[in-house]
Amino acid sequence: MSIGRRRFIGGLGSTALAGLLSPGFAIPSMMPAGLARAQSLRGPAKRLVIFFSPNGTVHRHWRPTGTGTDYSFPAGSILEPLGEYRDRLVVLDGIDFKGVSNHEGGMANMLTGGGSDTSTEGQSVDQFIAARLPMDSPFPSLELSVGTDAWGGGVQTRMLYAPGGDFVHPDQDPVNVYRRVFGPIAGTPAEMDQLMHKRESVLSLLRAELGALRDRAGAREHEKLEAHLAALRRMETGLTGPAMTLGCEAPPAVKQLNPNAHENFADITRAQTDLMVTALACGMTRVASLQLSHTVGPHVFSWLGIREGHHALSHMDDSNTDGVAQFVRAERWIAEQFAYLLGQLQVLPEPDADGSMLDHTLVVWAKELADGRLHDNASVPFVLAGASGFLKAGRYLDLGGAPHQQLLVSICHAMGLDNPTFGNPSYGTGPLAGLT
């Protein structure tokens, strides 16, 4: 069913407001033929996507051969499935998490850079950026995941943080994501206009009440209340502003699957990827994340004929050739999911600009550990893609132990910000050299 902007947003309102107050299928064609795309590719990216997979790597099976622009992915290597996108990537080696060790430390610092008492207030980079982008979409950010909740919400299972270090919890159930973001839409246009008016009135009332609380609250509470007011302003803009300048087809309904069952991991990964790309293409958000499992993640990739859990395989030493081979097989599957995400963004044209959505989206594949056998955080693997106006792509770079705080600064700069530090500034300031 093809839906106009106003009816689409109207159907979204109640689920989006619920999200504010509480925490596979094919991508449909959304862009009309002949859409003018006059803007240049140069400049900051419009969107940020964080893609995460856990438990480190085995560097000799991960590293490309060659250096700089003269690099390739060896046959059978973990990154070989990305070969089609070689010229759209920057593969980063030699990124260190300074002063951090083991699973928990890596997970807590990966996207925050450490330190709740820093200028970034313990936020993860996605939340920091989302709060500073134009308020022109219904959701400041969308957090999707696969198999993250069986162990509850803690430092091992959560990678995203709000100001002050509070967890930002992802949604591991595609049905919940679908209901919250896309649907269901019913009623006549007049009924939808009436419903939108009611929702706008609710938002106005909430804003007035929060404003009154702010006037009475002490200085320590002002920051939290200001964050709530900013979220309400974003919601108002999403309901009535220019977020959906194009019509958007609602995606097909999502099949209900047990999100905690290992055997559903692959199907849920594909569903969540498609939902995320559709939300980005429909202008529902500019910042999204997809978290596959969590550190110490025990998932068994049984659909690949693998018998051991992913975390157990990440500890297999080189003498256990079968165990290492199973781990590489699992990691290659994850690389295939990253390649699928890039492909979905690449086939969609960017509205009112040259190039594809991938050209205007920075996609970051992040990990929390370097070598899983050593529990260390020296030379943690990262892959960047897209952002054609910012990244000098088609390269494999060894940064020689650069602090990952500089990578987080670079991610901010790719999105048009100019902050000189991110996280703990004692380990490094400024962006990574040579990315742009």
Protein backbone atom coordinates (compact mmCIF):
# COMPACT_ATOMS: atom_id res chain seq x y z
CA MET A 1 0.00 0.00 0.00
CA SER A 2 1.36 3.40 -0.97
CA ILE A 3 0.93 6.05 1.71
CA GLY A 4 1.29 9.80 1.59
CA ARG A 5 3.47 11.63 4.08
CA ARG A 6 0.73 13.01 6.30
CA ARG A 7 -1.17 9.74 6.64
CA PHE A 8 2.08 7.82 7.20
CA ILE A 9 3.20 10.14 9.99
CA GLY A 10 -0.30 10.21 11.44
CA GLY A 11 -0.33 6.45 11.81
CA LEU A 12 3.13 6.62 13.34
CA GLY A 13 2.32 9.19 16.00
CA SER A 14 1.00 7.01 18.82
CA THR A 15 3.76 4.42 18.54
CA ALA A 16 6.47 7.05 18.25
CA LEU A 17 5.13 8.91 21.28
CA ALA A 18 5.03 5.63 23.21
CA GLY A 19 8.69 5.15 22.32
CA LEU A 20 9.50 8.64 23.55
CA LEU A 21 7.82 8.10 26.90
CA SER A 22 9.25 4.58 27.40
CA PRO A 23 12.18 3.42 25.92
CA GLY A 24 13.17 -11.12 5.48
CA PHE A 25 11.57 -8.96 2.95
CA ALA A 26 12.71 -6.78 0.08
CA ILE A 27 13.09 -3.05 0.36
CA PRO A 28 10.22 -1.49 -1.61
CA SER A 29 10.79 1.13 -4.25
CA MET A 30 10.24 4.54 -2.64
CA MET A 31 11.70 7.13 -4.98
CA PRO A 32 9.67 8.41 -7.95
CA ALA A 33 11.28 8.18 -11.37
CA GLY A 34 13.00 11.28 -12.64
CA LEU A 35 13.77 12.67 -9.18
CA ALA A 36 16.20 15.57 -9.56
CA ARG A 37 19.47 14.95 -7.74
CA ALA A 38 21.43 18.14 -8.07
CA GLN A 39 23.48 18.31 -4.90
CA SER A 40 27.13 17.38 -4.95
CA LEU A 41 28.51 14.36 -3.09
CA ARG A 42 30.97 16.60 -1.28
CA GLY A 43 30.31 17.49 2.32
CA PRO A 44 29.29 15.70 5.53
CA ALA A 45 27.18 12.58 5.58
CA LYS A 46 23.45 12.92 6.24
CA ARG A 47 23.08 9.68 8.19
CA LEU A 48 25.01 7.45 10.57
CA VAL A 49 24.62 3.69 10.92
CA ILE A 50 26.47 1.68 13.59
CA PHE A 51 26.76 -2.07 12.91
CA PHE A 52 28.16 -4.18 15.75
CA SER A 53 29.34 -7.76 16.13
CA PRO A 54 31.10 -9.13 19.22
CA ASN A 55 34.03 -11.13 20.54
CA GLY A 56 36.93 -9.73 18.56
CA THR A 57 38.68 -11.40 15.67
CA VAL A 58 41.63 -13.54 14.60
CA HIS A 59 43.78 -10.93 12.90
CA ARG A 60 45.58 -13.23 10.48
CA HIS A 61 42.19 -14.29 9.09
CA TRP A 62 40.80 -10.72 9.15
CA ARG A 63 43.60 -8.55 7.78
CA PRO A 64 43.66 -7.67 4.08
CA THR A 65 46.87 -8.05 2.11
CA GLY A 66 48.73 -5.00 0.83
CA THR A 67 48.45 -1.44 2.13
CA GLY A 68 46.76 1.82 1.24
CA THR A 69 44.86 1.67 -2.03
CA ASP A 70 46.80 -1.43 -3.08
CA TYR A 71 44.99 -3.95 -0.92
CA SER A 72 42.79 -7.00 -1.35
CA PHE A 73 40.88 -9.57 0.69
CA PRO A 74 42.51 -13.02 0.61
CA ALA A 75 40.41 -15.98 -0.46
CA GLY A 76 38.68 -17.49 2.57
CA SER A 77 39.38 -14.49 4.78
CA ILE A 78 36.77 -12.94 7.07
CA LEU A 79 36.40 -9.76 5.01
CA GLU A 80 36.34 -11.47 1.59
CA PRO A 81 32.51 -11.11 1.33
CA LEU A 82 33.09 -7.33 1.20
CA GLY A 83 35.09 -7.59 -2.03
CA GLU A 84 32.32 -6.05 -4.13
CA TYR A 85 32.50 -2.92 -1.95
CA ARG A 86 36.29 -2.71 -1.70
CA ASP A 87 36.37 0.77 -3.25
CA ARG A 88 33.67 2.04 -0.86
CA LEU A 89 35.51 1.00 2.32
CA VAL A 90 38.19 2.21 4.69
CA VAL A 91 39.48 -0.83 6.61
CA LEU A 92 41.09 0.35 9.85
CA ASP A 93 43.79 -1.62 11.65
CA GLY A 94 45.86 -0.44 14.61
CA ILE A 95 43.06 1.29 16.55
CA ASP A 96 43.64 0.85 20.30
CA PHE A 97 41.26 1.23 23.23
CA LYS A 98 43.70 2.87 25.65
CA GLY A 99 43.47 1.95 29.32
CA VAL A 100 40.79 -0.68 28.61
CA SER A 101 40.85 -4.46 28.75
CA ASN A 102 38.54 -7.43 28.41
CA HIS A 103 34.96 -7.77 27.19
CA GLU A 104 33.19 -5.39 29.58
CA GLY A 105 35.72 -2.61 29.33
CA GLY A 106 35.67 -2.80 25.54
CA MET A 107 31.89 -2.81 25.38
CA ALA A 108 31.55 0.20 27.69
CA ASN A 109 34.22 2.26 25.93
CA MET A 110 33.77 1.25 22.29
CA LEU A 111 31.35 4.05 21.36
CA THR A 112 31.78 6.35 24.38
CA GLY A 113 35.53 6.82 24.55
CA GLY A 114 35.25 6.48 28.32
CA GLY A 115 34.50 8.92 31.08
CA SER A 116 31.07 10.20 32.13
CA ASP A 117 32.70 13.35 33.51
CA THR A 118 34.04 14.44 30.10
CA SER A 119 32.58 17.03 27.74
CA THR A 120 30.61 14.28 25.98
CA GLU A 121 29.06 13.20 29.32
CA GLY A 122 29.52 9.47 28.82
CA GLN A 123 27.32 9.41 25.71
CA SER A 124 27.89 6.98 22.89
CA VAL A 125 28.81 8.68 19.65
CA ASP A 126 25.47 7.88 17.98
CA GLN A 127 23.48 9.61 20.73
CA PHE A 128 25.83 12.60 20.80
CA ILE A 129 25.43 13.06 17.03
CA ALA A 130 21.67 12.45 17.03
CA ALA A 131 21.17 15.29 19.52
CA ARG A 132 23.00 17.70 17.23
CA LEU A 133 21.54 16.91 13.83
CA PRO A 134 18.61 18.86 12.36
CA MET A 135 15.32 18.02 14.07
CA ASP A 136 13.65 16.91 10.85
CA SER A 137 12.75 13.27 11.49
CA PRO A 138 10.31 11.57 13.87
CA PHE A 139 13.00 9.56 15.66
CA PRO A 140 16.30 11.14 16.73
CA SER A 141 17.74 7.61 16.59
CA LEU A 142 16.60 4.03 16.16
CA GLU A 143 18.25 1.18 18.06
CA LEU A 144 17.74 -2.34 16.66
CA SER A 145 19.37 -5.55 17.79
CA VAL A 146 19.45 -9.32 17.47
CA GLY A 147 19.64 -11.61 20.49
CA THR A 148 20.66 -8.97 23.04
CA ASP A 149 18.16 -9.38 25.88
CA ALA A 150 18.35 -12.92 27.27
CA TRP A 151 20.93 -11.75 29.83
CA GLY A 152 19.09 -8.53 30.65
CA GLY A 153 20.40 -5.00 30.28
CA GLY A 154 23.95 -4.53 31.55
CA VAL A 155 27.45 -3.54 30.54
CA GLN A 156 27.93 -6.81 28.61
CA THR A 157 24.73 -6.48 26.59
CA ARG A 158 24.47 -2.72 25.98
CA MET A 159 26.69 -0.53 23.79
CA LEU A 160 24.71 2.73 23.63
CA TYR A 161 24.61 5.38 26.34
CA ALA A 162 22.63 8.55 27.03
CA PRO A 163 24.17 11.57 28.81
CA GLY A 164 25.33 10.56 32.26
CA GLY A 165 26.00 6.98 31.22
CA ASP A 166 22.43 5.61 31.25
CA PHE A 167 21.85 2.67 28.92
CA VAL A 168 19.97 3.21 25.67
CA HIS A 169 18.22 -0.11 25.16
CA PRO A 170 17.82 -1.59 21.67
CA ASP A 171 14.74 -3.46 20.43
CA GLN A 172 15.49 -7.07 19.49
CA ASP A 173 11.99 -7.91 18.19
CA PRO A 174 11.26 -6.92 14.55
CA VAL A 175 7.51 -7.01 15.23
CA ASN A 176 7.93 -4.35 17.92
CA VAL A 177 10.08 -2.27 15.58
CA TYR A 178 7.51 -2.56 12.80
CA ARG A 179 4.63 -1.51 15.05
CA ARG A 180 6.56 1.35 16.57
CA VAL A 181 7.93 2.80 13.35
CA PHE A 182 5.57 1.88 10.54
CA GLY A 183 2.14 0.99 11.37
CA PRO A 184 -0.65 -0.04 11.50
CA ILE A 185 -2.37 2.74 9.50
CA ALA A 186 -6.14 2.93 9.22
CA GLY A 187 -8.95 5.43 8.73
CA THR A 188 -9.82 8.12 6.25
CA PRO A 189 -7.58 11.16 5.67
CA ALA A 190 -10.01 13.29 7.72
CA GLU A 191 -9.82 10.81 10.60
CA MET A 192 -6.03 10.79 10.41
CA ASP A 193 -5.91 14.60 10.45
CA GLN A 194 -8.12 14.61 13.53
CA LEU A 195 -5.88 12.02 15.21
CA MET A 196 -2.77 14.04 14.38
CA HIS A 197 -4.36 17.15 15.91
CA LYS A 198 -5.01 15.24 19.12
CA ARG A 199 -1.42 14.02 19.26
CA GLU A 200 -0.06 17.49 18.64
CA SER A 201 -2.22 18.71 21.53
CA VAL A 202 -0.80 16.00 23.81
CA LEU A 203 2.72 17.05 22.90
CA SER A 204 1.93 20.70 23.62
CA LEU A 205 0.54 19.77 27.03
CA LEU A 206 3.59 17.67 27.87
CA ARG A 207 5.88 20.50 26.80
CA ALA A 208 4.04 22.96 29.04
CA GLU A 209 4.21 20.61 32.02
CA LEU A 210 7.92 19.95 31.52
CA GLY A 211 8.52 23.69 31.21
CA ALA A 212 6.77 24.28 34.51
CA LEU A 213 8.83 21.53 36.16
CA ARG A 214 12.00 23.10 34.83
CA ASP A 215 11.11 26.42 36.44
CA ARG A 216 10.70 24.71 39.83
CA ALA A 217 13.56 22.22 39.59
CA GLY A 218 17.05 22.67 40.90
CA ALA A 219 20.09 23.15 38.71
CA ARG A 220 20.96 19.45 38.75
CA GLU A 221 17.64 18.52 37.15
CA HIS A 222 17.68 21.20 34.45
CA GLU A 223 19.84 19.15 32.10
CA LYS A 224 17.52 16.13 32.13
CA LEU A 225 14.44 18.28 31.67
CA GLU A 226 16.10 20.10 28.78
CA ALA A 227 16.79 16.73 27.16
CA HIS A 228 13.11 15.78 27.51
CA LEU A 229 12.03 19.10 26.01
CA ALA A 230 14.43 18.62 23.11
CA ALA A 231 12.96 15.17 22.50
CA LEU A 232 9.46 16.63 22.44
CA ARG A 233 10.55 19.30 19.97
CA ARG A 234 11.95 16.56 17.75
CA MET A 235 8.69 14.66 17.99
CA GLU A 236 6.68 17.75 17.03
CA THR A 237 8.94 18.34 14.05
CA GLY A 238 8.56 14.72 13.01
CA LEU A 239 4.76 14.89 13.14
CA THR A 240 4.30 18.16 11.29
CA GLY A 241 7.63 19.10 9.65
CA PRO A 242 9.44 18.17 6.45
CA ALA A 243 10.60 14.67 7.39
CA MET A 244 8.58 12.88 4.72
CA THR A 245 8.75 14.97 1.59
CA LEU A 246 8.21 11.84 -0.50
CA GLY A 247 5.52 9.21 -0.39
CA CYS A 248 6.64 5.95 1.21
CA GLU A 249 5.41 2.41 0.80
CA ALA A 250 4.77 0.58 4.03
CA PRO A 251 6.96 -2.56 4.21
CA PRO A 252 5.29 -5.96 4.35
CA ALA A 253 4.28 -7.26 7.76
CA VAL A 254 7.02 -8.93 9.79
CA LYS A 255 6.73 -12.56 10.88
CA GLN A 256 6.64 -13.16 14.63
CA LEU A 257 9.74 -15.07 15.76
CA ASN A 258 11.11 -15.82 19.21
CA PRO A 259 13.91 -13.24 19.45
CA ASN A 260 15.79 -15.29 22.07
CA ALA A 261 15.95 -18.50 20.01
CA HIS A 262 19.36 -19.13 18.42
CA GLU A 263 17.78 -20.70 15.36
CA ASN A 264 16.02 -17.41 14.54
CA PHE A 265 19.18 -15.29 14.66
CA ALA A 266 19.74 -15.21 10.89
CA ASP A 267 16.12 -14.46 9.97
CA ILE A 268 15.85 -11.70 12.57
CA THR A 269 19.12 -10.17 11.39
CA ARG A 270 17.75 -9.88 7.87
CA ALA A 271 14.40 -8.51 9.05
CA GLN A 272 16.03 -5.91 11.29
CA THR A 273 18.39 -4.83 8.52
CA ASP A 274 15.50 -4.33 6.11
CA LEU A 275 13.46 -2.42 8.68
CA MET A 276 16.40 -0.16 9.46
CA VAL A 277 17.11 0.64 5.80
CA THR A 278 13.43 1.27 5.13
CA ALA A 279 13.24 3.65 8.11
CA LEU A 280 16.28 5.54 6.84
CA ALA A 281 14.91 5.69 3.30
CA CYS A 282 11.54 6.96 4.55
CA GLY A 283 13.19 9.77 6.50
CA MET A 284 12.13 8.35 9.86
CA THR A 285 15.60 8.86 11.37
CA ARG A 286 19.13 9.95 10.52
CA VAL A 287 20.90 7.78 13.11
CA ALA A 288 20.42 4.03 13.47
CA SER A 289 22.25 1.08 14.98
CA LEU A 290 22.09 -2.68 14.53
CA GLN A 291 23.67 -4.69 17.33
CA LEU A 292 24.23 -8.37 16.56
CA SER A 293 24.36 -10.18 19.92
CA HIS A 294 26.60 -8.80 22.68
CA THR A 295 30.01 -9.30 24.17
CA VAL A 296 30.50 -12.88 25.44
CA GLY A 297 27.58 -13.65 23.09
CA PRO A 298 26.82 -17.39 23.21
CA HIS A 299 24.84 -17.72 19.98
CA VAL A 300 25.38 -20.88 17.97
CA PHE A 301 25.37 -20.25 14.22
CA SER A 302 23.68 -23.59 13.61
CA TRP A 303 22.39 -22.59 10.14
CA LEU A 304 26.05 -22.69 9.05
CA GLY A 305 26.62 -26.15 10.48
CA ILE A 306 28.51 -24.66 13.45
CA ARG A 307 28.34 -26.59 16.71
CA GLU A 308 29.90 -24.24 19.29
CA GLY A 309 28.78 -20.87 20.61
CA HIS A 310 30.37 -17.78 19.07
CA HIS A 311 32.11 -16.72 22.27
CA ALA A 312 33.60 -20.19 22.81
CA LEU A 313 34.87 -20.22 19.23
CA SER A 314 36.48 -16.81 19.69
CA HIS A 315 38.81 -18.43 22.27
CA MET A 316 40.01 -21.31 20.10
CA ASP A 317 43.79 -21.19 19.75
CA ASP A 318 45.57 -21.93 16.51
CA SER A 319 46.17 -25.55 17.43
CA ASN A 320 42.41 -26.15 17.23
CA THR A 321 42.14 -25.77 13.48
CA ASP A 322 38.51 -26.88 13.31
CA GLY A 323 37.46 -24.43 16.02
CA VAL A 324 39.24 -21.54 14.31
CA ALA A 325 37.69 -22.54 10.99
CA GLN A 326 34.21 -22.45 12.57
CA PHE A 327 34.89 -19.00 14.02
CA VAL A 328 36.07 -17.71 10.63
CA ARG A 329 32.93 -19.17 9.03
CA ALA A 330 30.74 -17.32 11.55
CA GLU A 331 32.65 -14.07 11.04
CA ARG A 332 32.37 -14.38 7.26
CA TRP A 333 28.60 -14.71 7.69
CA ILE A 334 28.60 -11.47 9.68
CA ALA A 335 30.65 -9.82 6.92
CA GLU A 336 27.98 -10.99 4.47
CA GLN A 337 25.31 -9.24 6.56
CA PHE A 338 27.37 -6.05 6.53
CA ALA A 339 27.72 -6.37 2.75
CA TYR A 340 23.95 -6.86 2.45
CA LEU A 341 23.37 -3.66 4.43
CA LEU A 342 25.74 -1.74 2.15
CA GLY A 343 24.03 -3.17 -0.91
CA GLN A 344 20.58 -2.13 0.27
CA LEU A 345 21.79 1.42 0.83
CA GLN A 346 23.62 1.50 -2.49
CA VAL A 347 20.61 0.58 -4.66
CA LEU A 348 18.46 3.39 -3.24
CA PRO A 349 18.98 6.83 -4.81
CA GLU A 350 19.52 9.77 -2.49
CA PRO A 351 16.56 12.19 -2.54
CA ASP A 352 17.46 15.56 -4.11
CA ALA A 353 21.16 14.76 -4.36
CA ASP A 354 23.70 12.97 -6.51
CA GLY A 355 24.55 9.37 -5.75
CA SER A 356 22.97 6.68 -3.61
CA MET A 357 21.92 6.60 0.01
CA LEU A 358 25.23 4.87 0.74
CA ASP A 359 27.09 7.88 -0.63
CA HIS A 360 25.37 10.05 1.97
CA THR A 361 25.49 7.59 4.91
CA LEU A 362 28.47 6.79 7.13
CA VAL A 363 28.33 3.09 8.04
CA VAL A 364 30.61 1.88 10.85
CA TRP A 365 31.27 -1.79 11.62
CA ALA A 366 32.50 -1.78 15.21
CA LYS A 367 33.84 -4.42 17.60
CA GLU A 368 34.62 -4.28 21.30
CA LEU A 369 37.69 -6.55 21.33
CA ALA A 370 40.80 -7.07 19.25
CA ASP A 371 42.01 -10.67 19.60
CA GLY A 372 39.31 -12.58 21.48
CA ARG A 373 41.79 -15.21 22.64
CA LEU A 374 43.85 -12.57 24.46
CA HIS A 375 40.96 -10.47 25.80
CA ASP A 376 42.88 -7.43 24.64
CA ASN A 377 41.87 -4.13 23.06
CA ALA A 378 44.97 -3.41 20.98
CA SER A 379 44.29 -3.16 17.24
CA VAL A 380 40.51 -3.46 17.44
CA PRO A 381 39.12 -3.98 13.91
CA PHE A 382 36.88 -1.32 12.36
CA VAL A 383 35.44 -0.94 8.87
CA LEU A 384 34.00 2.33 7.56
CA ALA A 385 31.85 2.59 4.44
CA GLY A 386 29.91 5.18 2.45
CA ALA A 387 30.13 8.91 3.25
CA SER A 388 31.59 9.62 -0.18
CA GLY A 389 31.80 13.35 0.48
CA PHE A 390 33.99 12.81 3.53
CA LEU A 391 35.92 9.52 3.40
CA LYS A 392 38.82 8.87 1.05
CA ALA A 393 37.70 5.32 0.46
CA GLY A 394 39.19 2.22 -1.13
CA ARG A 395 41.99 1.93 1.42
CA TYR A 396 43.40 -0.33 4.13
CA LEU A 397 45.08 1.74 6.84
CA ASP A 398 47.24 0.68 9.78
CA LEU A 399 47.01 3.50 12.32
CA GLY A 400 49.82 2.11 14.47
CA GLY A 401 48.06 2.20 17.84
CA ALA A 402 46.02 5.39 17.46
CA PRO A 403 43.52 5.89 20.31
CA HIS A 404 39.97 5.10 19.33
CA GLN A 405 38.83 8.42 20.79
CA GLN A 406 40.25 9.95 17.59
CA LEU A 407 38.10 7.61 15.51
CA LEU A 408 35.04 8.78 17.44
CA VAL A 409 36.01 12.40 16.72
CA SER A 410 36.33 11.50 13.03
CA ILE A 411 32.85 9.97 13.04
CA CYS A 412 31.49 13.22 14.48
CA HIS A 413 33.33 15.28 11.87
CA ALA A 414 31.98 13.05 9.09
CA MET A 415 28.51 14.07 10.28
CA GLY A 416 29.32 17.77 10.14
CA LEU A 417 30.28 18.42 13.79
CA ASP A 418 33.52 20.08 14.88
CA ASN A 419 34.14 18.82 18.43
CA PRO A 420 37.91 18.41 19.05
CA THR A 421 37.59 15.48 21.49
CA PHE A 422 35.30 12.60 22.28
CA GLY A 423 35.30 10.68 25.54
CA ASN A 424 38.47 10.75 27.61
CA PRO A 425 40.72 13.45 26.06
CA SER A 426 43.81 12.27 27.92
CA TYR A 427 44.26 9.44 25.41
CA GLY A 428 43.95 11.49 22.26
CA THR A 429 42.47 14.61 20.70
CA GLY A 430 41.47 15.56 17.19
CA PRO A 431 40.44 13.24 14.35
CA LEU A 432 42.41 10.38 12.83
CA ALA A 433 44.93 11.55 10.27
CA GLY A 434 44.41 10.58 6.66
CA LEU A 435 40.75 9.54 6.64
CA THR A 436 39.49 12.36 4.45
